Structure formats: structure tokens, C-alpha cells
Protein backbone atom coordinates (compact mmCIF):
# COMPACT_ATOMS: atom_id res chain seq x y z
CA MET A 1 0.00 0.00 0.00
CA GLU A 2 1.09 3.55 -0.67
CA THR A 3 2.04 5.91 2.14
CA TRP A 4 -0.87 8.31 2.59
CA LEU A 5 -0.38 9.53 6.16
CA THR A 6 2.81 11.55 6.27
CA SER A 7 1.85 13.92 9.07
CA LEU A 8 -0.90 14.69 11.56
CA ILE A 9 -0.14 18.41 11.29
CA THR A 10 -2.83 20.47 9.55
CA LYS A 11 -3.28 24.20 9.03
CA THR A 12 -6.80 24.45 10.39
CA PRO A 13 -9.27 22.52 12.53
CA GLN A 14 -11.36 21.93 9.37
CA GLU A 15 -8.40 20.26 7.67
CA GLY A 16 -7.84 18.30 10.87
CA TYR A 17 -11.41 17.05 10.88
CA GLU A 18 -11.15 16.04 7.24
CA LEU A 19 -7.96 14.13 8.09
CA ALA A 20 -9.81 12.40 10.94
CA ILE A 21 -12.49 11.27 8.49
CA LYS A 22 -9.84 10.02 6.05
CA MET A 23 -8.17 8.10 8.87
CA ALA A 24 -11.48 6.42 9.72
CA ARG A 25 -12.13 5.53 6.08
CA MET A 26 -8.61 4.16 5.65
CA GLY A 27 -9.05 2.09 8.80
CA VAL A 28 -12.03 0.39 7.19
CA LYS A 29 -10.07 -0.09 3.96
CA TYR A 30 -7.17 -1.73 5.81
CA THR A 31 -9.55 -3.90 7.83
CA GLN A 32 -11.53 -5.01 4.76
CA PRO A 33 -9.30 -4.62 1.70
CA SER A 34 -11.93 -5.95 -0.72
CA ALA A 35 -13.80 -3.05 -2.32
CA GLU A 36 -16.42 -5.55 -3.50
CA VAL A 37 -17.12 -6.70 0.05
CA ARG A 38 -17.20 -3.10 1.36
CA ASP A 39 -19.67 -2.15 -1.36
CA LYS A 40 -21.85 -5.15 -0.51
CA LEU A 41 -21.86 -4.27 3.22
CA ARG A 42 -22.44 -0.53 2.79
CA PRO A 43 -26.27 -0.65 2.47
CA ALA A 44 -26.54 -2.51 5.79
CA TYR A 45 -24.57 0.01 7.82
CA ALA A 46 -25.67 3.10 5.88
CA GLU A 47 -29.14 2.82 7.41
CA SER A 48 -28.11 1.59 10.85
CA ALA A 49 -28.16 4.23 13.58
CA ASP A 50 -25.78 2.12 15.68
CA SER A 51 -23.28 1.77 12.84
CA LEU A 52 -23.40 5.46 12.02
CA THR A 53 -22.95 6.37 15.68
CA ALA A 54 -19.95 4.02 15.90
CA ALA A 55 -18.44 5.62 12.79
CA SER A 56 -18.90 9.07 14.34
CA GLN A 57 -17.16 7.89 17.50
CA VAL A 58 -14.16 6.66 15.50
CA ILE A 59 -13.94 10.02 13.73
CA ALA A 60 -14.18 11.85 17.06
CA VAL A 61 -11.30 9.82 18.54
CA ASN A 62 -9.22 10.44 15.42
CA PHE A 63 -10.00 14.16 15.62
CA GLN A 64 -8.85 14.24 19.26
CA THR A 65 -5.54 12.72 18.14
CA VAL A 66 -5.10 15.20 15.29
CA ALA A 67 -6.08 18.16 17.50
CA ALA A 68 -3.55 17.16 20.15
CA ALA A 69 -0.83 16.77 17.49
CA ASN A 70 -1.61 20.32 16.36
CA ASN A 71 -1.54 21.73 19.89
CA TYR A 72 -5.24 22.44 19.41
CA TRP A 73 -4.30 25.00 16.69
CA ARG A 74 -2.94 27.53 19.16
């Protein structure tokens, strides 16, 4: 796999949040490398409140990590 995460440093909180989302998406991609399987599973979790809440929690934890790495953009 190619190197896609070269730094946690971002210019703005918005960029940091977008990085947190990318980190979550890449985590799923690493966990399930088959795009075909991910596509087949997507309808099930796309309409599941529990799955969407879990995804939001992963993004929130990733954003905490990115924010701390950026000294909370101070």
C-alpha cells in the first residue's frame, strides 16, 4: 500500500477534521481490503443508527488525536 499519512499536522481545525475522516475511512479499507465486500456491506450500515454512531465515534477519537498533534491549533 502507498504511504498516505505523512503527518498529523494540519493548518486548520477543518483540515484536521477532514484528516480524521480520512483516517477512519482508511481504517475500514485496511480492515476489509476488498472493495467488492465493502460495497456489498455498505447498504446494511448506511441505514443503521448504531453503525453510524460508531463511525462518528471513531472520527471523534481520530480528531482528538489530530487536534492534540496540532496543539489544538494555538
